[in-house]
Amino acid sequence: MKTAKTIAIIDYGAGNLQSIFFALRTLGAQPVITEDADSLRHVQGIVLPGVGAFGAGMAGLKVRGLDTALRDCAQAGVPILGICLGAQLLFSTGYEFGTHTGLGIIAGDVIHFPPLAGNEKVPHVGWNSLYSPAADRWEGTILTGIAPLTSFYFVHSYVVVPTNEADILARTHYGGYEFASVVRRGNIYGCQFHPEKSAEAGLTVLKNFINL
């Protein structure tokens, strides 16, 4: 019988942890909510959730020593999934209420939505679809089995802008603007949407992450 993978859910004071915990447990993983940097040495995967502001999120990681621990885990090849703010914190620099240094695991910036074409409001809240001009790249990733134009649930005012276009796994349109909605660098992933709030499609993404 296969041993359930231990997946750490990072608690740094900025995330909806319980819904992710129950989703991972339902999918057969052994989730552990932790703010202990040392505990990350013993897990098979890490979820970095988050809601709120970039600067406050980074401060929450730093005060617990989790920023260094996450960089070390990324370097060691441990799969990491950033969700919403957690995805943004993977990047080099965030420009929310000032300029803030991120984890730098994926090169790029986090910026506010630019002016939109119609009457769309910011934050972007609700269901929206993913697409990619090369969806065959989804095989073997967290998007395995996801059909292009599948919808997921978003809540955000800021978007990630990777330095390297190859780090963009999926894109989404909102208000005439195209943004990176899923990013990947090796075993490091970021989803701008909330898979734990995205019904069956979201559970598929989490299951794929567990199986990396």
N, C-alpha and C. Protein backbone atom coordinates (compact mmCIF):
# COMPACT_ATOMS: atom_id res chain seq x y z
N MET A 1 0.85 -1.20 0.00
CA MET A 1 0.00 0.00 0.00
C MET A 1 0.88 1.24 0.00
N LYS A 2 0.52 2.21 -0.87
CA LYS A 2 1.30 3.43 -0.97
C LYS A 2 1.14 4.27 0.28
N THR A 3 2.25 4.84 0.76
CA THR A 3 2.20 5.74 1.91
C THR A 3 1.73 7.11 1.44
N ALA A 4 0.81 7.71 2.18
CA ALA A 4 0.30 9.04 1.82
C ALA A 4 1.43 10.07 1.91
N LYS A 5 1.49 10.95 0.93
CA LYS A 5 2.51 11.99 0.93
C LYS A 5 2.18 13.05 1.97
N THR A 6 3.19 13.46 2.71
CA THR A 6 3.03 14.56 3.66
C THR A 6 3.19 15.88 2.93
N ILE A 7 2.14 16.69 2.95
CA ILE A 7 2.13 17.99 2.28
C ILE A 7 2.00 19.07 3.35
N ALA A 8 2.99 19.95 3.43
CA ALA A 8 2.95 21.05 4.39
C ALA A 8 2.13 22.21 3.82
N ILE A 9 1.21 22.71 4.61
CA ILE A 9 0.48 23.94 4.27
C ILE A 9 1.05 25.04 5.15
N ILE A 10 1.63 26.04 4.52
CA ILE A 10 2.37 27.07 5.27
C ILE A 10 1.41 28.05 5.94
N ASP A 11 1.53 28.18 7.25
CA ASP A 11 0.76 29.14 8.03
C ASP A 11 1.66 30.32 8.37
N TYR A 12 1.43 31.43 7.67
CA TYR A 12 2.22 32.63 7.97
C TYR A 12 1.30 33.83 8.23
N GLY A 13 0.07 33.50 8.63
CA GLY A 13 -0.88 34.53 9.03
C GLY A 13 -1.63 35.17 7.89
N ALA A 14 -1.65 34.52 6.70
CA ALA A 14 -2.28 35.17 5.55
C ALA A 14 -2.99 34.19 4.64
N GLY A 15 -3.59 33.13 5.20
CA GLY A 15 -4.19 32.16 4.30
C GLY A 15 -5.45 31.51 4.83
N ASN A 16 -6.27 31.01 3.90
CA ASN A 16 -7.42 30.19 4.24
C ASN A 16 -6.93 28.75 4.26
N LEU A 17 -6.55 28.27 5.42
CA LEU A 17 -5.83 27.01 5.52
C LEU A 17 -6.73 25.79 5.57
N GLN A 18 -7.86 25.91 6.23
CA GLN A 18 -8.67 24.72 6.49
C GLN A 18 -9.26 24.12 5.23
N SER A 19 -9.71 24.96 4.28
CA SER A 19 -10.31 24.41 3.06
C SER A 19 -9.27 23.66 2.24
N ILE A 20 -8.03 24.15 2.24
CA ILE A 20 -6.96 23.45 1.53
C ILE A 20 -6.62 22.15 2.26
N PHE A 21 -6.58 22.21 3.59
CA PHE A 21 -6.29 21.03 4.41
C PHE A 21 -7.30 19.91 4.09
N PHE A 22 -8.58 20.23 4.12
CA PHE A 22 -9.61 19.21 3.92
C PHE A 22 -9.59 18.69 2.48
N ALA A 23 -9.31 19.57 1.52
CA ALA A 23 -9.24 19.13 0.13
C ALA A 23 -8.09 18.14 -0.06
N LEU A 24 -6.92 18.45 0.48
CA LEU A 24 -5.77 17.57 0.34
C LEU A 24 -6.00 16.24 1.04
N ARG A 25 -6.62 16.29 2.22
CA ARG A 25 -6.89 15.05 2.96
C ARG A 25 -7.90 14.18 2.21
N THR A 26 -8.92 14.81 1.63
CA THR A 26 -9.91 14.07 0.84
C THR A 26 -9.25 13.37 -0.34
N LEU A 27 -8.22 14.00 -0.90
CA LEU A 27 -7.54 13.47 -2.08
C LEU A 27 -6.48 12.42 -1.73
N GLY A 28 -6.33 12.10 -0.47
CA GLY A 28 -5.44 11.02 -0.08
C GLY A 28 -4.07 11.44 0.41
N ALA A 29 -3.83 12.73 0.52
CA ALA A 29 -2.55 13.20 1.07
C ALA A 29 -2.63 13.26 2.59
N GLN A 30 -1.50 13.52 3.21
CA GLN A 30 -1.44 13.73 4.65
C GLN A 30 -1.01 15.18 4.89
N PRO A 31 -1.98 16.11 4.89
CA PRO A 31 -1.63 17.52 5.04
C PRO A 31 -1.28 17.89 6.47
N VAL A 32 -0.34 18.82 6.61
CA VAL A 32 0.08 19.31 7.93
C VAL A 32 0.18 20.82 7.84
N ILE A 33 -0.58 21.52 8.69
CA ILE A 33 -0.48 22.98 8.76
C ILE A 33 0.68 23.33 9.68
N THR A 34 1.61 24.14 9.19
CA THR A 34 2.82 24.42 9.98
C THR A 34 3.36 25.82 9.74
N GLU A 35 3.96 26.39 10.76
CA GLU A 35 4.73 27.62 10.62
C GLU A 35 6.19 27.39 11.05
N ASP A 36 6.53 26.13 11.19
CA ASP A 36 7.87 25.73 11.63
C ASP A 36 8.76 25.47 10.43
N ALA A 37 9.76 26.31 10.23
CA ALA A 37 10.65 26.18 9.07
C ALA A 37 11.36 24.84 9.06
N ASP A 38 11.77 24.35 10.21
CA ASP A 38 12.52 23.09 10.27
C ASP A 38 11.67 21.89 9.80
N SER A 39 10.36 21.97 9.99
CA SER A 39 9.50 20.84 9.63
C SER A 39 9.45 20.63 8.12
N LEU A 40 9.82 21.64 7.34
CA LEU A 40 9.75 21.52 5.88
C LEU A 40 10.81 20.56 5.33
N ARG A 41 11.77 20.18 6.16
CA ARG A 41 12.80 19.24 5.71
C ARG A 41 12.25 17.83 5.54
N HIS A 42 11.07 17.58 6.09
CA HIS A 42 10.57 16.21 6.16
C HIS A 42 9.29 16.00 5.36
N VAL A 43 8.98 16.90 4.42
CA VAL A 43 7.72 16.79 3.67
C VAL A 43 8.00 16.48 2.21
N GLN A 44 6.96 15.99 1.53
CA GLN A 44 7.09 15.65 0.11
C GLN A 44 6.48 16.70 -0.81
N GLY A 45 5.90 17.73 -0.23
CA GLY A 45 5.33 18.82 -1.01
C GLY A 45 4.94 19.96 -0.09
N ILE A 46 4.82 21.16 -0.65
CA ILE A 46 4.49 22.36 0.13
C ILE A 46 3.44 23.16 -0.60
N VAL A 47 2.39 23.58 0.12
CA VAL A 47 1.41 24.51 -0.41
C VAL A 47 1.58 25.84 0.32
N LEU A 48 1.75 26.91 -0.45
CA LEU A 48 1.88 28.26 0.10
C LEU A 48 0.63 29.03 -0.28
N PRO A 49 -0.38 29.07 0.62
CA PRO A 49 -1.62 29.79 0.29
C PRO A 49 -1.44 31.27 0.57
N GLY A 50 -2.53 32.02 0.52
CA GLY A 50 -2.40 33.42 0.92
C GLY A 50 -3.47 34.32 0.36
N VAL A 51 -3.94 35.22 1.22
CA VAL A 51 -4.79 36.34 0.82
C VAL A 51 -4.23 37.57 1.53
N GLY A 52 -4.38 38.73 0.89
CA GLY A 52 -3.87 39.95 1.51
C GLY A 52 -2.78 40.60 0.70
N ALA A 53 -1.99 41.45 1.36
CA ALA A 53 -1.00 42.28 0.68
C ALA A 53 0.37 41.61 0.62
N PHE A 54 1.09 41.89 -0.45
CA PHE A 54 2.40 41.29 -0.71
C PHE A 54 3.39 41.56 0.43
N GLY A 55 3.52 42.81 0.83
CA GLY A 55 4.50 43.17 1.86
C GLY A 55 4.23 42.48 3.18
N ALA A 56 2.94 42.45 3.57
CA ALA A 56 2.58 41.79 4.83
C ALA A 56 2.83 40.29 4.74
N GLY A 57 2.57 39.72 3.56
CA GLY A 57 2.82 38.29 3.37
C GLY A 57 4.29 37.95 3.52
N MET A 58 5.15 38.72 2.90
CA MET A 58 6.60 38.48 3.02
C MET A 58 7.07 38.68 4.45
N ALA A 59 6.52 39.68 5.13
CA ALA A 59 6.90 39.90 6.53
C ALA A 59 6.52 38.70 7.39
N GLY A 60 5.34 38.10 7.11
CA GLY A 60 4.91 36.92 7.85
C GLY A 60 5.83 35.73 7.63
N LEU A 61 6.32 35.59 6.40
CA LEU A 61 7.27 34.51 6.11
C LEU A 61 8.61 34.75 6.80
N LYS A 62 9.11 35.97 6.71
CA LYS A 62 10.44 36.28 7.23
C LYS A 62 10.52 36.12 8.74
N VAL A 63 9.51 36.58 9.45
CA VAL A 63 9.57 36.54 10.91
C VAL A 63 9.60 35.10 11.42
N ARG A 64 9.15 34.17 10.60
CA ARG A 64 9.15 32.75 10.97
C ARG A 64 10.32 31.99 10.35
N GLY A 65 11.16 32.68 9.58
CA GLY A 65 12.26 32.02 8.90
C GLY A 65 11.83 31.16 7.73
N LEU A 66 10.59 31.35 7.30
CA LEU A 66 10.05 30.51 6.23
C LEU A 66 10.54 30.94 4.86
N ASP A 67 10.97 32.19 4.71
CA ASP A 67 11.46 32.64 3.40
C ASP A 67 12.70 31.85 3.00
N THR A 68 13.66 31.74 3.91
CA THR A 68 14.88 30.98 3.64
C THR A 68 14.56 29.50 3.46
N ALA A 69 13.68 28.96 4.30
CA ALA A 69 13.33 27.54 4.21
C ALA A 69 12.67 27.22 2.87
N LEU A 70 11.80 28.08 2.39
CA LEU A 70 11.14 27.85 1.10
C LEU A 70 12.14 27.90 -0.05
N ARG A 71 13.06 28.84 0.00
CA ARG A 71 14.09 28.90 -1.05
C ARG A 71 14.93 27.63 -1.04
N ASP A 72 15.29 27.16 0.15
CA ASP A 72 16.08 25.93 0.27
C ASP A 72 15.32 24.73 -0.29
N CYS A 73 14.03 24.65 0.02
CA CYS A 73 13.21 23.54 -0.47
C CYS A 73 13.09 23.58 -1.99
N ALA A 74 12.91 24.78 -2.53
CA ALA A 74 12.83 24.92 -3.99
C ALA A 74 14.12 24.45 -4.63
N GLN A 75 15.24 24.84 -4.04
CA GLN A 75 16.55 24.44 -4.56
C GLN A 75 16.74 22.93 -4.49
N ALA A 76 16.15 22.31 -3.47
CA ALA A 76 16.29 20.86 -3.27
C ALA A 76 15.32 20.06 -4.14
N GLY A 77 14.42 20.73 -4.85
CA GLY A 77 13.50 20.04 -5.74
C GLY A 77 12.18 19.63 -5.12
N VAL A 78 11.87 20.12 -3.92
CA VAL A 78 10.59 19.80 -3.30
C VAL A 78 9.48 20.52 -4.07
N PRO A 79 8.42 19.82 -4.50
CA PRO A 79 7.32 20.49 -5.19
C PRO A 79 6.66 21.54 -4.30
N ILE A 80 6.43 22.72 -4.86
CA ILE A 80 5.79 23.82 -4.14
C ILE A 80 4.65 24.35 -5.00
N LEU A 81 3.49 24.57 -4.38
CA LEU A 81 2.35 25.18 -5.06
C LEU A 81 1.96 26.45 -4.32
N GLY A 82 2.13 27.59 -4.97
CA GLY A 82 1.67 28.86 -4.43
C GLY A 82 0.26 29.14 -4.94
N ILE A 83 -0.62 29.61 -4.06
CA ILE A 83 -2.00 29.88 -4.42
C ILE A 83 -2.31 31.35 -4.14
N CYS A 84 -2.82 32.07 -5.14
CA CYS A 84 -3.21 33.47 -5.04
C CYS A 84 -2.02 34.32 -4.54
N LEU A 85 -2.11 34.93 -3.36
CA LEU A 85 -0.96 35.67 -2.84
C LEU A 85 0.27 34.79 -2.74
N GLY A 86 0.07 33.52 -2.37
CA GLY A 86 1.20 32.60 -2.29
C GLY A 86 1.93 32.46 -3.61
N ALA A 87 1.19 32.46 -4.72
CA ALA A 87 1.81 32.42 -6.04
C ALA A 87 2.61 33.69 -6.30
N GLN A 88 2.05 34.83 -5.89
CA GLN A 88 2.73 36.11 -6.11
C GLN A 88 4.03 36.20 -5.31
N LEU A 89 4.02 35.65 -4.11
CA LEU A 89 5.22 35.73 -3.26
C LEU A 89 6.39 34.93 -3.81
N LEU A 90 6.12 34.01 -4.73
CA LEU A 90 7.21 33.26 -5.37
C LEU A 90 8.09 34.16 -6.23
N PHE A 91 7.60 35.33 -6.60
CA PHE A 91 8.29 36.19 -7.57
C PHE A 91 9.29 37.14 -6.91
N SER A 92 10.02 37.84 -7.76
CA SER A 92 11.16 38.66 -7.30
C SER A 92 10.72 39.90 -6.54
N THR A 93 9.74 40.63 -7.09
CA THR A 93 9.38 41.94 -6.55
C THR A 93 7.88 42.16 -6.64
N GLY A 94 7.30 42.71 -5.58
CA GLY A 94 5.88 43.07 -5.57
C GLY A 94 5.72 44.57 -5.38
N TYR A 95 4.74 45.14 -6.09
CA TYR A 95 4.53 46.60 -6.06
C TYR A 95 3.16 46.94 -5.48
N GLU A 96 2.86 46.39 -4.32
CA GLU A 96 1.60 46.66 -3.64
C GLU A 96 1.90 47.48 -2.40
N PHE A 97 1.43 48.72 -2.37
CA PHE A 97 1.73 49.64 -1.26
C PHE A 97 3.24 49.78 -1.08
N GLY A 98 3.94 50.07 -2.17
CA GLY A 98 5.39 50.22 -2.12
C GLY A 98 6.07 49.13 -2.93
N THR A 99 7.37 49.02 -2.73
CA THR A 99 8.17 48.01 -3.43
C THR A 99 8.70 47.01 -2.41
N HIS A 100 8.45 45.73 -2.66
CA HIS A 100 8.82 44.70 -1.69
C HIS A 100 9.54 43.56 -2.39
N THR A 101 10.58 43.04 -1.75
CA THR A 101 11.31 41.90 -2.28
C THR A 101 10.58 40.62 -1.95
N GLY A 102 10.37 39.79 -2.99
CA GLY A 102 9.70 38.51 -2.81
C GLY A 102 10.70 37.38 -2.61
N LEU A 103 10.21 36.16 -2.74
CA LEU A 103 11.08 34.99 -2.56
C LEU A 103 12.09 34.85 -3.69
N GLY A 104 11.77 35.33 -4.87
CA GLY A 104 12.71 35.26 -5.99
C GLY A 104 12.91 33.86 -6.53
N ILE A 105 11.97 32.96 -6.28
CA ILE A 105 12.08 31.60 -6.80
C ILE A 105 11.76 31.57 -8.29
N ILE A 106 10.85 32.45 -8.71
CA ILE A 106 10.55 32.67 -10.12
C ILE A 106 10.83 34.14 -10.41
N ALA A 107 11.59 34.42 -11.46
CA ALA A 107 11.95 35.80 -11.79
C ALA A 107 10.74 36.53 -12.36
N GLY A 108 10.51 37.75 -11.88
CA GLY A 108 9.42 38.55 -12.40
C GLY A 108 8.83 39.46 -11.35
N ASP A 109 7.81 40.21 -11.75
CA ASP A 109 7.19 41.21 -10.89
C ASP A 109 5.72 40.89 -10.64
N VAL A 110 5.18 41.53 -9.60
CA VAL A 110 3.76 41.45 -9.29
C VAL A 110 3.22 42.87 -9.33
N ILE A 111 2.29 43.13 -10.28
CA ILE A 111 1.80 44.48 -10.50
C ILE A 111 0.28 44.53 -10.38
N HIS A 112 -0.25 45.73 -10.18
CA HIS A 112 -1.69 45.92 -10.16
C HIS A 112 -2.25 45.75 -11.57
N PHE A 113 -3.49 45.28 -11.67
CA PHE A 113 -4.16 45.27 -12.96
C PHE A 113 -4.03 46.66 -13.61
N PRO A 114 -3.69 46.72 -14.88
CA PRO A 114 -3.69 48.01 -15.58
C PRO A 114 -5.13 48.45 -15.83
N PRO A 115 -5.35 49.67 -16.36
CA PRO A 115 -6.72 50.08 -16.70
C PRO A 115 -7.35 49.08 -17.67
N LEU A 116 -8.60 48.70 -17.40
CA LEU A 116 -9.27 47.68 -18.19
C LEU A 116 -10.16 48.30 -19.26
N ALA A 117 -10.47 47.50 -20.28
CA ALA A 117 -11.12 48.02 -21.47
C ALA A 117 -12.59 48.37 -21.25
N GLY A 118 -13.29 47.61 -20.44
CA GLY A 118 -14.72 47.82 -20.26
C GLY A 118 -15.06 48.33 -18.88
N ASN A 119 -16.18 47.87 -18.37
CA ASN A 119 -16.62 48.28 -17.03
C ASN A 119 -16.23 47.26 -15.97
N GLU A 120 -15.28 46.40 -16.31
CA GLU A 120 -14.87 45.37 -15.35
C GLU A 120 -14.28 46.00 -14.10
N LYS A 121 -14.59 45.38 -12.98
CA LYS A 121 -14.12 45.91 -11.71
C LYS A 121 -12.87 45.19 -11.24
N VAL A 122 -12.09 45.87 -10.45
CA VAL A 122 -10.96 45.30 -9.75
C VAL A 122 -11.24 45.47 -8.26
N PRO A 123 -11.16 44.40 -7.47
CA PRO A 123 -10.56 43.11 -7.80
C PRO A 123 -11.37 42.27 -8.79
N HIS A 124 -10.65 41.41 -9.48
CA HIS A 124 -11.23 40.41 -10.37
C HIS A 124 -11.77 39.29 -9.47
N VAL A 125 -13.08 39.17 -9.40
CA VAL A 125 -13.71 38.18 -8.52
C VAL A 125 -14.67 37.33 -9.35
N GLY A 126 -14.51 36.01 -9.28
CA GLY A 126 -15.44 35.11 -9.93
C GLY A 126 -14.76 34.09 -10.81
N TRP A 127 -15.58 33.39 -11.60
CA TRP A 127 -15.09 32.30 -12.43
C TRP A 127 -14.55 32.83 -13.74
N ASN A 128 -13.42 32.29 -14.16
CA ASN A 128 -12.82 32.67 -15.43
C ASN A 128 -12.01 31.48 -15.94
N SER A 129 -11.74 31.48 -17.23
CA SER A 129 -11.17 30.28 -17.85
C SER A 129 -9.67 30.42 -18.12
N LEU A 130 -9.04 29.26 -18.23
CA LEU A 130 -7.62 29.16 -18.57
C LEU A 130 -7.48 28.78 -20.03
N TYR A 131 -6.43 29.28 -20.64
CA TYR A 131 -6.11 28.83 -22.00
C TYR A 131 -4.60 28.89 -22.18
N SER A 132 -4.15 28.24 -23.21
CA SER A 132 -2.73 28.28 -23.56
C SER A 132 -2.60 28.01 -25.04
N PRO A 133 -1.75 28.74 -25.74
CA PRO A 133 -1.51 28.43 -27.15
C PRO A 133 -0.80 27.10 -27.33
N ALA A 134 -0.30 26.52 -26.24
CA ALA A 134 0.40 25.24 -26.33
C ALA A 134 -0.05 24.37 -25.16
N ALA A 135 -1.33 23.99 -25.17
CA ALA A 135 -1.90 23.23 -24.05
C ALA A 135 -1.28 21.85 -23.92
N ASP A 136 -0.58 21.40 -24.95
CA ASP A 136 0.10 20.11 -24.82
C ASP A 136 1.19 20.17 -23.74
N ARG A 137 1.62 21.38 -23.39
CA ARG A 137 2.60 21.56 -22.31
C ARG A 137 1.99 21.23 -20.95
N TRP A 138 0.67 21.06 -20.88
CA TRP A 138 0.02 20.80 -19.61
C TRP A 138 0.21 19.37 -19.15
N GLU A 139 0.49 18.47 -20.06
CA GLU A 139 0.66 17.07 -19.67
C GLU A 139 1.86 16.91 -18.74
N GLY A 140 1.67 16.15 -17.67
CA GLY A 140 2.74 15.96 -16.71
C GLY A 140 2.91 17.09 -15.72
N THR A 141 1.94 18.05 -15.72
CA THR A 141 1.98 19.18 -14.80
C THR A 141 0.73 19.16 -13.93
N ILE A 142 0.53 20.20 -13.15
CA ILE A 142 -0.67 20.28 -12.32
C ILE A 142 -1.93 20.48 -13.17
N LEU A 143 -1.77 20.76 -14.47
CA LEU A 143 -2.93 20.93 -15.35
C LEU A 143 -3.21 19.69 -16.19
N THR A 144 -2.58 18.58 -15.87
CA THR A 144 -2.88 17.32 -16.57
C THR A 144 -4.37 17.01 -16.46
N GLY A 145 -5.01 16.71 -17.60
CA GLY A 145 -6.42 16.36 -17.60
C GLY A 145 -7.37 17.54 -17.58
N ILE A 146 -6.83 18.75 -17.52
CA ILE A 146 -7.67 19.96 -17.57
C ILE A 146 -7.83 20.39 -19.02
N ALA A 147 -9.05 20.54 -19.47
CA ALA A 147 -9.30 20.98 -20.84
C ALA A 147 -9.12 22.49 -20.94
N PRO A 148 -8.53 22.99 -22.04
CA PRO A 148 -8.47 24.44 -22.24
C PRO A 148 -9.87 25.06 -22.13
N LEU A 149 -9.92 26.24 -21.54
CA LEU A 149 -11.14 27.02 -21.29
C LEU A 149 -11.93 26.51 -20.08
N THR A 150 -11.36 25.59 -19.32
CA THR A 150 -11.96 25.22 -18.04
C THR A 150 -11.92 26.42 -17.10
N SER A 151 -12.97 26.62 -16.33
CA SER A 151 -13.05 27.79 -15.45
C SER A 151 -12.63 27.46 -14.02
N PHE A 152 -12.02 28.47 -13.40
CA PHE A 152 -11.58 28.40 -12.01
C PHE A 152 -11.99 29.69 -11.30
N TYR A 153 -11.91 29.66 -9.98
CA TYR A 153 -12.40 30.80 -9.19
C TYR A 153 -11.24 31.73 -8.79
N PHE A 154 -11.38 33.02 -9.16
CA PHE A 154 -10.35 34.03 -8.92
C PHE A 154 -10.84 35.10 -7.95
N VAL A 155 -9.90 35.61 -7.14
CA VAL A 155 -10.12 36.81 -6.32
C VAL A 155 -8.77 37.51 -6.22
N HIS A 156 -8.56 38.58 -6.99
CA HIS A 156 -7.26 39.26 -6.94
C HIS A 156 -7.30 40.62 -7.63
N SER A 157 -6.40 41.51 -7.18
CA SER A 157 -6.22 42.82 -7.79
C SER A 157 -4.86 42.96 -8.45
N TYR A 158 -3.94 42.04 -8.12
CA TYR A 158 -2.58 42.08 -8.65
C TYR A 158 -2.32 40.83 -9.50
N VAL A 159 -1.41 40.97 -10.44
CA VAL A 159 -1.10 39.87 -11.36
C VAL A 159 0.41 39.69 -11.44
N VAL A 160 0.81 38.47 -11.77
CA VAL A 160 2.24 38.17 -11.91
C VAL A 160 2.68 38.40 -13.35
N VAL A 161 3.90 38.90 -13.50
CA VAL A 161 4.49 39.14 -14.83
C VAL A 161 5.86 38.47 -14.85
N PRO A 162 5.91 37.19 -15.25
CA PRO A 162 7.20 36.49 -15.26
C PRO A 162 8.19 37.13 -16.26
N THR A 163 9.45 37.14 -15.87
CA THR A 163 10.49 37.62 -16.76
C THR A 163 10.63 36.71 -17.97
N ASN A 164 10.51 35.41 -17.73
CA ASN A 164 10.68 34.41 -18.78
C ASN A 164 9.31 33.91 -19.21
N GLU A 165 8.94 34.14 -20.47
CA GLU A 165 7.64 33.69 -20.99
C GLU A 165 7.46 32.18 -20.84
N ALA A 166 8.56 31.43 -20.86
CA ALA A 166 8.47 29.97 -20.75
C ALA A 166 7.95 29.53 -19.39
N ASP A 167 7.96 30.43 -18.40
CA ASP A 167 7.44 30.10 -17.07
C ASP A 167 5.91 30.19 -17.00
N ILE A 168 5.27 30.69 -18.06
CA ILE A 168 3.81 30.82 -18.08
C ILE A 168 3.21 29.53 -18.62
N LEU A 169 2.40 28.87 -17.80
CA LEU A 169 1.77 27.61 -18.19
C LEU A 169 0.36 27.84 -18.72
N ALA A 170 -0.33 28.84 -18.19
CA ALA A 170 -1.68 29.16 -18.65
C ALA A 170 -1.92 30.66 -18.49
N ARG A 171 -2.84 31.16 -19.31
CA ARG A 171 -3.22 32.57 -19.27
C ARG A 171 -4.72 32.70 -19.13
N THR A 172 -5.15 33.91 -18.74
CA THR A 172 -6.57 34.21 -18.59
C THR A 172 -6.82 35.63 -19.06
N HIS A 173 -7.99 35.87 -19.67
CA HIS A 173 -8.39 37.21 -20.10
C HIS A 173 -9.34 37.83 -19.09
N TYR A 174 -9.16 39.11 -18.82
CA TYR A 174 -10.12 39.85 -18.01
C TYR A 174 -10.08 41.31 -18.42
N GLY A 175 -11.22 41.83 -18.83
CA GLY A 175 -11.30 43.24 -19.19
C GLY A 175 -10.38 43.64 -20.33
N GLY A 176 -10.17 42.73 -21.28
CA GLY A 176 -9.29 43.03 -22.40
C GLY A 176 -7.82 42.87 -22.08
N TYR A 177 -7.51 42.42 -20.87
CA TYR A 177 -6.13 42.25 -20.45
C TYR A 177 -5.84 40.76 -20.29
N GLU A 178 -4.69 40.33 -20.73
CA GLU A 178 -4.28 38.94 -20.62
C GLU A 178 -3.22 38.83 -19.52
N PHE A 179 -3.43 37.92 -18.58
CA PHE A 179 -2.46 37.76 -17.50
C PHE A 179 -2.10 36.29 -17.32
N ALA A 180 -0.95 36.06 -16.71
CA ALA A 180 -0.50 34.70 -16.40
C ALA A 180 -1.29 34.18 -15.21
N SER A 181 -2.06 33.11 -15.43
CA SER A 181 -2.89 32.57 -14.35
C SER A 181 -2.29 31.31 -13.72
N VAL A 182 -1.39 30.63 -14.44
CA VAL A 182 -0.63 29.51 -13.88
C VAL A 182 0.81 29.64 -14.35
N VAL A 183 1.74 29.54 -13.42
CA VAL A 183 3.16 29.61 -13.76
C VAL A 183 3.86 28.35 -13.26
N ARG A 184 4.98 28.07 -13.91
CA ARG A 184 5.74 26.88 -13.53
C ARG A 184 7.22 27.10 -13.79
N ARG A 185 8.03 26.72 -12.84
CA ARG A 185 9.48 26.61 -13.04
C ARG A 185 9.92 25.32 -12.37
N GLY A 186 10.17 24.29 -13.18
CA GLY A 186 10.48 22.98 -12.62
C GLY A 186 9.31 22.44 -11.82
N ASN A 187 9.56 22.09 -10.55
CA ASN A 187 8.50 21.59 -9.68
C ASN A 187 7.85 22.69 -8.85
N ILE A 188 8.09 23.96 -9.22
CA ILE A 188 7.51 25.09 -8.53
C ILE A 188 6.35 25.63 -9.36
N TYR A 189 5.17 25.69 -8.76
CA TYR A 189 3.97 26.14 -9.47
C TYR A 189 3.31 27.29 -8.71
N GLY A 190 2.64 28.14 -9.46
CA GLY A 190 1.80 29.17 -8.87
C GLY A 190 0.49 29.26 -9.61
N CYS A 191 -0.62 29.29 -8.87
CA CYS A 191 -1.96 29.46 -9.44
C CYS A 191 -2.53 30.78 -8.94
N GLN A 192 -2.93 31.67 -9.85
CA GLN A 192 -3.55 32.90 -9.40
C GLN A 192 -4.96 32.64 -8.87
N PHE A 193 -5.60 31.58 -9.35
CA PHE A 193 -6.92 31.21 -8.87
C PHE A 193 -6.82 30.36 -7.60
N HIS A 194 -7.98 30.06 -7.03
CA HIS A 194 -8.05 29.23 -5.82
C HIS A 194 -8.54 27.83 -6.21
N PRO A 195 -7.66 26.84 -6.30
CA PRO A 195 -8.14 25.49 -6.65
C PRO A 195 -9.08 24.92 -5.60
N GLU A 196 -8.87 25.28 -4.34
CA GLU A 196 -9.72 24.73 -3.27
C GLU A 196 -11.14 25.29 -3.33
N LYS A 197 -11.39 26.32 -4.15
CA LYS A 197 -12.73 26.89 -4.32
C LYS A 197 -13.26 26.66 -5.73
N SER A 198 -12.59 25.80 -6.50
CA SER A 198 -12.90 25.65 -7.93
C SER A 198 -13.48 24.30 -8.29
N ALA A 199 -14.27 23.74 -7.39
CA ALA A 199 -15.03 22.51 -7.67
C ALA A 199 -14.12 21.38 -8.16
N GLU A 200 -14.65 20.54 -9.06
CA GLU A 200 -13.91 19.34 -9.49
C GLU A 200 -12.62 19.68 -10.20
N ALA A 201 -12.63 20.74 -11.01
CA ALA A 201 -11.41 21.12 -11.73
C ALA A 201 -10.30 21.50 -10.75
N GLY A 202 -10.67 22.20 -9.68
CA GLY A 202 -9.68 22.57 -8.68
C GLY A 202 -9.12 21.36 -7.95
N LEU A 203 -9.99 20.39 -7.66
CA LEU A 203 -9.52 19.16 -7.01
C LEU A 203 -8.57 18.40 -7.93
N THR A 204 -8.83 18.45 -9.23
CA THR A 204 -7.91 17.80 -10.18
C THR A 204 -6.53 18.43 -10.12
N VAL A 205 -6.49 19.76 -10.05
CA VAL A 205 -5.21 20.46 -9.94
C VAL A 205 -4.48 20.03 -8.67
N LEU A 206 -5.17 19.98 -7.55
CA LEU A 206 -4.54 19.58 -6.29
C LEU A 206 -4.09 18.12 -6.33
N LYS A 207 -4.89 17.27 -6.93
CA LYS A 207 -4.51 15.85 -7.06
C LYS A 207 -3.25 15.71 -7.91
N ASN A 208 -3.20 16.47 -9.00
CA ASN A 208 -2.00 16.44 -9.85
C ASN A 208 -0.77 16.90 -9.07
N PHE A 209 -0.96 17.90 -8.22
CA PHE A 209 0.16 18.39 -7.42
C PHE A 209 0.65 17.29 -6.46
N ILE A 210 -0.28 16.64 -5.80
CA ILE A 210 0.09 15.55 -4.89
C ILE A 210 0.90 14.49 -5.63
N ASN A 211 0.54 14.23 -6.88
CA ASN A 211 1.15 13.14 -7.66
C ASN A 211 2.44 13.53 -8.38
N LEU A 212 2.90 14.76 -8.21
CA LEU A 212 4.14 15.17 -8.89
C LEU A 212 5.31 14.28 -8.44
